[in-house]
Amino acid sequence: MEWIDSFTNKFIKSLSKIENSKELAEFQNEDSKLEKEVNEIKVKYFEILKIFHTIATSEAKDKLDRIESQRANMRRIEIEVDTRDKKIKKQSAKLKKALRETVDLNGLDQKIMSKYLRFLQQKVNAKIDDD
């Protein structure tokens, strides 16, 4: 019975440290970082709206010139948004992987049983060595 209590306490302690694990350390304040990225994309969206508004409200004879004058600016915005989008997706994939490796509950029962059997084997081996 003492072995089971010892294992349970050891397992609970290991679970309580997951949040501060090295696998998840780089993701501290990730929600704030991603919120900042999303806000930056919103700024770009409003820049695009402003450009479209400028083109839409210009006189017909000036529209083509307005479009051409904004082409480089639109390309810059497109590249910035694409870069931020890729960064967000890459970070999201890394976070999903880290969460799967550290706190995924699928197969938790098998992981616990495996750890429990290893723990018991260590105890049995230690008992044999003592005798």
N, C-alpha and C. Protein backbone atom coordinates (compact mmCIF):
# COMPACT_ATOMS: atom_id res chain seq x y z
N MET A 1 0.83 -1.19 0.00
CA MET A 1 0.00 0.00 0.00
C MET A 1 0.87 1.26 0.00
N GLU A 2 1.97 1.20 0.70
CA GLU A 2 2.88 2.33 0.79
C GLU A 2 3.45 2.67 -0.60
N TRP A 3 3.73 1.63 -1.40
CA TRP A 3 4.26 1.82 -2.75
C TRP A 3 3.25 2.58 -3.62
N ILE A 4 2.00 2.21 -3.50
CA ILE A 4 0.96 2.87 -4.29
C ILE A 4 0.84 4.34 -3.91
N ASP A 5 0.84 4.62 -2.62
CA ASP A 5 0.80 6.01 -2.16
C ASP A 5 2.01 6.79 -2.67
N SER A 6 3.16 6.17 -2.59
CA SER A 6 4.39 6.81 -3.06
C SER A 6 4.31 7.11 -4.55
N PHE A 7 3.86 6.13 -5.34
CA PHE A 7 3.72 6.32 -6.78
C PHE A 7 2.73 7.43 -7.09
N THR A 8 1.58 7.38 -6.42
CA THR A 8 0.54 8.38 -6.66
C THR A 8 1.06 9.78 -6.38
N ASN A 9 1.73 9.95 -5.26
CA ASN A 9 2.28 11.27 -4.91
C ASN A 9 3.33 11.72 -5.92
N LYS A 10 4.17 10.81 -6.35
CA LYS A 10 5.20 11.12 -7.34
C LYS A 10 4.55 11.53 -8.66
N PHE A 11 3.51 10.82 -9.06
CA PHE A 11 2.82 11.12 -10.31
C PHE A 11 2.12 12.48 -10.24
N ILE A 12 1.48 12.75 -9.13
CA ILE A 12 0.79 14.04 -8.96
C ILE A 12 1.80 15.19 -9.02
N LYS A 13 2.96 15.02 -8.38
CA LYS A 13 4.00 16.05 -8.43
C LYS A 13 4.47 16.28 -9.86
N SER A 14 4.62 15.20 -10.64
CA SER A 14 5.09 15.36 -12.02
C SER A 14 4.05 16.09 -12.87
N LEU A 15 2.76 15.84 -12.60
CA LEU A 15 1.71 16.55 -13.34
C LEU A 15 1.66 18.03 -12.98
N SER A 16 1.94 18.35 -11.74
CA SER A 16 1.87 19.76 -11.33
C SER A 16 2.99 20.58 -11.94
N LYS A 17 4.04 19.93 -12.40
CA LYS A 17 5.18 20.65 -12.99
C LYS A 17 5.06 20.79 -14.50
N ILE A 18 4.05 20.22 -15.10
CA ILE A 18 3.92 20.25 -16.56
C ILE A 18 3.88 21.67 -17.10
N GLU A 19 3.12 22.52 -16.46
CA GLU A 19 2.96 23.89 -16.95
C GLU A 19 4.30 24.62 -17.03
N ASN A 20 5.21 24.29 -16.15
CA ASN A 20 6.52 24.94 -16.14
C ASN A 20 7.60 24.08 -16.80
N SER A 21 7.19 23.09 -17.56
CA SER A 21 8.15 22.20 -18.20
C SER A 21 8.93 22.93 -19.29
N LYS A 22 10.10 22.39 -19.61
CA LYS A 22 10.92 23.01 -20.64
C LYS A 22 10.23 22.95 -22.01
N GLU A 23 9.39 21.93 -22.23
CA GLU A 23 8.67 21.83 -23.51
C GLU A 23 7.67 22.97 -23.68
N LEU A 24 7.12 23.47 -22.59
CA LEU A 24 6.12 24.53 -22.67
C LEU A 24 6.66 25.91 -22.31
N ALA A 25 7.93 25.99 -21.90
CA ALA A 25 8.50 27.26 -21.45
C ALA A 25 8.44 28.35 -22.51
N GLU A 26 8.71 27.99 -23.76
CA GLU A 26 8.72 29.00 -24.82
C GLU A 26 7.33 29.53 -25.14
N PHE A 27 6.29 28.88 -24.60
CA PHE A 27 4.93 29.28 -24.91
C PHE A 27 4.29 30.13 -23.80
N GLN A 28 5.08 30.54 -22.83
CA GLN A 28 4.53 31.40 -21.78
C GLN A 28 4.04 32.70 -22.43
N ASN A 29 2.90 33.15 -22.01
CA ASN A 29 2.26 34.37 -22.53
C ASN A 29 1.98 34.29 -24.02
N GLU A 30 1.81 33.09 -24.52
CA GLU A 30 1.57 32.91 -25.97
C GLU A 30 0.29 33.59 -26.41
N ASP A 31 -0.73 33.57 -25.56
CA ASP A 31 -1.98 34.21 -25.93
C ASP A 31 -1.78 35.71 -26.17
N SER A 32 -0.97 36.36 -25.34
CA SER A 32 -0.69 37.79 -25.52
C SER A 32 0.09 38.04 -26.80
N LYS A 33 1.06 37.17 -27.08
CA LYS A 33 1.86 37.31 -28.30
C LYS A 33 0.98 37.16 -29.54
N LEU A 34 0.12 36.15 -29.52
CA LEU A 34 -0.75 35.93 -30.67
C LEU A 34 -1.79 37.04 -30.81
N GLU A 35 -2.25 37.57 -29.70
CA GLU A 35 -3.20 38.69 -29.76
C GLU A 35 -2.53 39.89 -30.42
N LYS A 36 -1.27 40.12 -30.11
CA LYS A 36 -0.53 41.22 -30.73
C LYS A 36 -0.41 40.99 -32.24
N GLU A 37 -0.11 39.76 -32.64
CA GLU A 37 -0.01 39.44 -34.07
C GLU A 37 -1.34 39.68 -34.78
N VAL A 38 -2.43 39.24 -34.16
CA VAL A 38 -3.75 39.44 -34.75
C VAL A 38 -4.07 40.92 -34.87
N ASN A 39 -3.72 41.69 -33.87
CA ASN A 39 -3.95 43.14 -33.93
C ASN A 39 -3.15 43.79 -35.05
N GLU A 40 -1.93 43.31 -35.27
CA GLU A 40 -1.11 43.83 -36.37
C GLU A 40 -1.76 43.50 -37.72
N ILE A 41 -2.35 42.32 -37.82
CA ILE A 41 -3.05 41.96 -39.05
C ILE A 41 -4.27 42.85 -39.24
N LYS A 42 -4.96 43.18 -38.15
CA LYS A 42 -6.10 44.10 -38.23
C LYS A 42 -5.67 45.46 -38.77
N VAL A 43 -4.52 45.95 -38.31
CA VAL A 43 -3.99 47.23 -38.80
C VAL A 43 -3.79 47.15 -40.31
N LYS A 44 -3.24 46.05 -40.78
CA LYS A 44 -3.02 45.87 -42.22
C LYS A 44 -4.35 45.83 -42.96
N TYR A 45 -5.33 45.21 -42.37
CA TYR A 45 -6.67 45.15 -42.97
C TYR A 45 -7.22 46.57 -43.15
N PHE A 46 -7.07 47.41 -42.14
CA PHE A 46 -7.56 48.79 -42.25
C PHE A 46 -6.75 49.59 -43.28
N GLU A 47 -5.48 49.28 -43.42
CA GLU A 47 -4.68 49.92 -44.47
C GLU A 47 -5.23 49.55 -45.84
N ILE A 48 -5.60 48.28 -46.01
CA ILE A 48 -6.17 47.82 -47.27
C ILE A 48 -7.50 48.52 -47.53
N LEU A 49 -8.34 48.61 -46.50
CA LEU A 49 -9.63 49.30 -46.65
C LEU A 49 -9.43 50.75 -47.06
N LYS A 50 -8.45 51.39 -46.48
CA LYS A 50 -8.16 52.80 -46.81
C LYS A 50 -7.75 52.92 -48.28
N ILE A 51 -6.91 52.00 -48.74
CA ILE A 51 -6.48 52.02 -50.14
C ILE A 51 -7.68 51.81 -51.06
N PHE A 52 -8.51 50.82 -50.75
CA PHE A 52 -9.69 50.56 -51.58
C PHE A 52 -10.64 51.76 -51.58
N HIS A 53 -10.79 52.38 -50.43
CA HIS A 53 -11.66 53.56 -50.33
C HIS A 53 -11.11 54.69 -51.21
N THR A 54 -9.80 54.90 -51.15
CA THR A 54 -9.17 55.94 -51.96
C THR A 54 -9.40 55.67 -53.44
N ILE A 55 -9.24 54.43 -53.85
CA ILE A 55 -9.45 54.08 -55.26
C ILE A 55 -10.93 54.23 -55.63
N ALA A 56 -11.81 53.74 -54.76
CA ALA A 56 -13.25 53.77 -55.05
C ALA A 56 -13.80 55.19 -55.14
N THR A 57 -13.26 56.09 -54.35
CA THR A 57 -13.79 57.46 -54.33
C THR A 57 -13.11 58.38 -55.34
N SER A 58 -12.10 57.87 -56.02
CA SER A 58 -11.44 58.72 -57.02
C SER A 58 -12.29 58.75 -58.29
N GLU A 59 -12.06 59.77 -59.08
CA GLU A 59 -12.81 59.90 -60.34
C GLU A 59 -12.39 58.80 -61.29
N ALA A 60 -13.28 58.46 -62.19
CA ALA A 60 -13.05 57.35 -63.12
C ALA A 60 -11.73 57.50 -63.87
N LYS A 61 -11.41 58.71 -64.32
CA LYS A 61 -10.19 58.91 -65.09
C LYS A 61 -8.93 58.74 -64.24
N ASP A 62 -9.04 58.85 -62.92
CA ASP A 62 -7.89 58.73 -62.02
C ASP A 62 -7.72 57.34 -61.39
N LYS A 63 -8.74 56.49 -61.54
CA LYS A 63 -8.72 55.17 -60.87
C LYS A 63 -7.49 54.34 -61.25
N LEU A 64 -7.20 54.26 -62.54
CA LEU A 64 -6.08 53.44 -62.98
C LEU A 64 -4.76 53.96 -62.40
N ASP A 65 -4.60 55.29 -62.38
CA ASP A 65 -3.38 55.87 -61.79
C ASP A 65 -3.31 55.58 -60.30
N ARG A 66 -4.44 55.66 -59.61
CA ARG A 66 -4.47 55.36 -58.17
C ARG A 66 -4.09 53.90 -57.91
N ILE A 67 -4.64 53.01 -58.72
CA ILE A 67 -4.33 51.58 -58.57
C ILE A 67 -2.84 51.36 -58.76
N GLU A 68 -2.29 51.93 -59.81
CA GLU A 68 -0.86 51.76 -60.08
C GLU A 68 -0.01 52.38 -58.97
N SER A 69 -0.42 53.51 -58.45
CA SER A 69 0.37 54.17 -57.41
C SER A 69 0.34 53.39 -56.09
N GLN A 70 -0.68 52.56 -55.89
CA GLN A 70 -0.83 51.79 -54.64
C GLN A 70 -0.32 50.35 -54.77
N ARG A 71 0.06 49.93 -55.98
CA ARG A 71 0.46 48.54 -56.22
C ARG A 71 1.60 48.10 -55.29
N ALA A 72 2.65 48.90 -55.18
CA ALA A 72 3.80 48.54 -54.32
C ALA A 72 3.38 48.47 -52.85
N ASN A 73 2.54 49.40 -52.43
CA ASN A 73 2.06 49.42 -51.05
C ASN A 73 1.21 48.17 -50.76
N MET A 74 0.36 47.81 -51.70
CA MET A 74 -0.47 46.61 -51.53
C MET A 74 0.40 45.35 -51.47
N ARG A 75 1.43 45.30 -52.29
CA ARG A 75 2.34 44.14 -52.28
C ARG A 75 3.06 44.05 -50.93
N ARG A 76 3.49 45.20 -50.39
CA ARG A 76 4.15 45.24 -49.08
C ARG A 76 3.21 44.71 -48.00
N ILE A 77 1.99 45.16 -48.03
CA ILE A 77 1.00 44.71 -47.03
C ILE A 77 0.76 43.21 -47.19
N GLU A 78 0.62 42.74 -48.40
CA GLU A 78 0.40 41.32 -48.65
C GLU A 78 1.54 40.48 -48.07
N ILE A 79 2.77 40.91 -48.29
CA ILE A 79 3.93 40.18 -47.77
C ILE A 79 3.94 40.19 -46.24
N GLU A 80 3.64 41.34 -45.64
CA GLU A 80 3.62 41.43 -44.17
C GLU A 80 2.54 40.52 -43.57
N VAL A 81 1.36 40.53 -44.16
CA VAL A 81 0.26 39.69 -43.66
C VAL A 81 0.61 38.22 -43.83
N ASP A 82 1.17 37.87 -45.00
CA ASP A 82 1.55 36.48 -45.25
C ASP A 82 2.62 36.03 -44.25
N THR A 83 3.58 36.88 -43.97
CA THR A 83 4.64 36.54 -43.01
C THR A 83 4.05 36.32 -41.62
N ARG A 84 3.17 37.20 -41.19
CA ARG A 84 2.54 37.05 -39.87
C ARG A 84 1.67 35.80 -39.82
N ASP A 85 0.95 35.53 -40.90
CA ASP A 85 0.10 34.34 -40.96
C ASP A 85 0.95 33.07 -40.83
N LYS A 86 2.05 33.01 -41.54
CA LYS A 86 2.94 31.85 -41.46
C LYS A 86 3.51 31.70 -40.05
N LYS A 87 3.87 32.82 -39.44
CA LYS A 87 4.42 32.79 -38.08
C LYS A 87 3.38 32.25 -37.09
N ILE A 88 2.15 32.72 -37.21
CA ILE A 88 1.08 32.27 -36.32
C ILE A 88 0.82 30.77 -36.52
N LYS A 89 0.76 30.32 -37.76
CA LYS A 89 0.50 28.91 -38.03
C LYS A 89 1.65 28.03 -37.54
N LYS A 90 2.88 28.48 -37.72
CA LYS A 90 4.04 27.70 -37.26
C LYS A 90 4.02 27.58 -35.73
N GLN A 91 3.75 28.69 -35.06
CA GLN A 91 3.72 28.68 -33.61
C GLN A 91 2.57 27.82 -33.10
N SER A 92 1.45 27.87 -33.78
CA SER A 92 0.30 27.05 -33.40
C SER A 92 0.64 25.57 -33.52
N ALA A 93 1.30 25.19 -34.60
CA ALA A 93 1.69 23.78 -34.78
C ALA A 93 2.67 23.35 -33.70
N LYS A 94 3.63 24.21 -33.36
CA LYS A 94 4.59 23.89 -32.30
C LYS A 94 3.89 23.73 -30.96
N LEU A 95 2.94 24.61 -30.69
CA LEU A 95 2.20 24.55 -29.42
C LEU A 95 1.36 23.28 -29.35
N LYS A 96 0.68 22.92 -30.44
CA LYS A 96 -0.12 21.69 -30.45
C LYS A 96 0.77 20.48 -30.18
N LYS A 97 1.94 20.46 -30.80
CA LYS A 97 2.86 19.34 -30.61
C LYS A 97 3.31 19.27 -29.15
N ALA A 98 3.69 20.41 -28.58
CA ALA A 98 4.14 20.45 -27.18
C ALA A 98 3.03 20.01 -26.23
N LEU A 99 1.82 20.47 -26.49
CA LEU A 99 0.69 20.07 -25.64
C LEU A 99 0.41 18.58 -25.77
N ARG A 100 0.48 18.07 -26.98
CA ARG A 100 0.25 16.64 -27.20
C ARG A 100 1.29 15.81 -26.45
N GLU A 101 2.53 16.29 -26.45
CA GLU A 101 3.61 15.54 -25.80
C GLU A 101 3.59 15.66 -24.28
N THR A 102 2.99 16.72 -23.77
CA THR A 102 3.05 16.93 -22.32
C THR A 102 1.74 16.69 -21.59
N VAL A 103 0.62 17.10 -22.16
CA VAL A 103 -0.63 17.03 -21.40
C VAL A 103 -1.76 16.31 -22.12
N ASP A 104 -1.48 15.66 -23.23
CA ASP A 104 -2.52 14.95 -23.97
C ASP A 104 -3.10 13.84 -23.09
N LEU A 105 -4.41 13.80 -22.98
CA LEU A 105 -5.07 12.79 -22.14
C LEU A 105 -5.35 11.49 -22.88
N ASN A 106 -5.19 11.49 -24.22
CA ASN A 106 -5.38 10.25 -24.97
C ASN A 106 -4.30 9.26 -24.56
N GLY A 107 -4.73 8.10 -24.14
CA GLY A 107 -3.79 7.07 -23.72
C GLY A 107 -3.20 7.30 -22.34
N LEU A 108 -3.75 8.25 -21.59
CA LEU A 108 -3.22 8.54 -20.26
C LEU A 108 -3.27 7.31 -19.36
N ASP A 109 -4.33 6.53 -19.47
CA ASP A 109 -4.43 5.33 -18.64
C ASP A 109 -3.28 4.37 -18.92
N GLN A 110 -2.90 4.24 -20.19
CA GLN A 110 -1.79 3.35 -20.54
C GLN A 110 -0.46 3.92 -20.04
N LYS A 111 -0.33 5.24 -20.13
CA LYS A 111 0.90 5.87 -19.64
C LYS A 111 1.04 5.68 -18.13
N ILE A 112 -0.07 5.85 -17.41
CA ILE A 112 -0.05 5.68 -15.96
C ILE A 112 0.29 4.23 -15.61
N MET A 113 -0.33 3.29 -16.29
CA MET A 113 -0.08 1.88 -16.00
C MET A 113 1.38 1.53 -16.29
N SER A 114 1.91 2.04 -17.39
CA SER A 114 3.31 1.78 -17.74
C SER A 114 4.24 2.33 -16.67
N LYS A 115 4.00 3.56 -16.25
CA LYS A 115 4.82 4.17 -15.19
C LYS A 115 4.67 3.40 -13.88
N TYR A 116 3.44 2.99 -13.60
CA TYR A 116 3.19 2.25 -12.37
C TYR A 116 3.93 0.92 -12.37
N LEU A 117 3.91 0.22 -13.49
CA LEU A 117 4.61 -1.07 -13.57
C LEU A 117 6.12 -0.88 -13.45
N ARG A 118 6.66 0.19 -14.09
CA ARG A 118 8.10 0.47 -13.95
C ARG A 118 8.45 0.81 -12.50
N PHE A 119 7.57 1.58 -11.87
CA PHE A 119 7.78 1.96 -10.48
C PHE A 119 7.80 0.72 -9.58
N LEU A 120 6.82 -0.15 -9.78
CA LEU A 120 6.76 -1.37 -8.99
C LEU A 120 7.97 -2.26 -9.24
N GLN A 121 8.40 -2.35 -10.51
CA GLN A 121 9.57 -3.16 -10.85
C GLN A 121 10.82 -2.63 -10.13
N GLN A 122 10.95 -1.30 -10.08
CA GLN A 122 12.08 -0.71 -9.37
C GLN A 122 12.03 -1.06 -7.89
N LYS A 123 10.84 -1.00 -7.32
CA LYS A 123 10.68 -1.32 -5.90
C LYS A 123 11.00 -2.80 -5.63
N VAL A 124 10.52 -3.67 -6.53
CA VAL A 124 10.78 -5.09 -6.37
C VAL A 124 12.28 -5.36 -6.50
N ASN A 125 12.92 -4.75 -7.50
CA ASN A 125 14.36 -4.92 -7.69
C ASN A 125 15.15 -4.41 -6.48
N ALA A 126 14.70 -3.28 -5.94
CA ALA A 126 15.38 -2.74 -4.76
C ALA A 126 15.21 -3.67 -3.56
N LYS A 127 14.03 -4.26 -3.44
CA LYS A 127 13.75 -5.19 -2.34
C LYS A 127 14.62 -6.45 -2.49
N ILE A 128 14.75 -6.93 -3.73
CA ILE A 128 15.59 -8.12 -3.99
C ILE A 128 17.05 -7.81 -3.67
N ASP A 129 17.51 -6.64 -4.07
CA ASP A 129 18.89 -6.24 -3.80
C ASP A 129 19.15 -6.12 -2.30
N ASP A 130 18.14 -5.66 -1.54
CA ASP A 130 18.31 -5.52 -0.09
C ASP A 130 18.36 -6.88 0.61
N ASP A 131 17.70 -7.87 0.04
CA ASP A 131 17.65 -9.20 0.67
C ASP A 131 18.89 -9.96 0.35
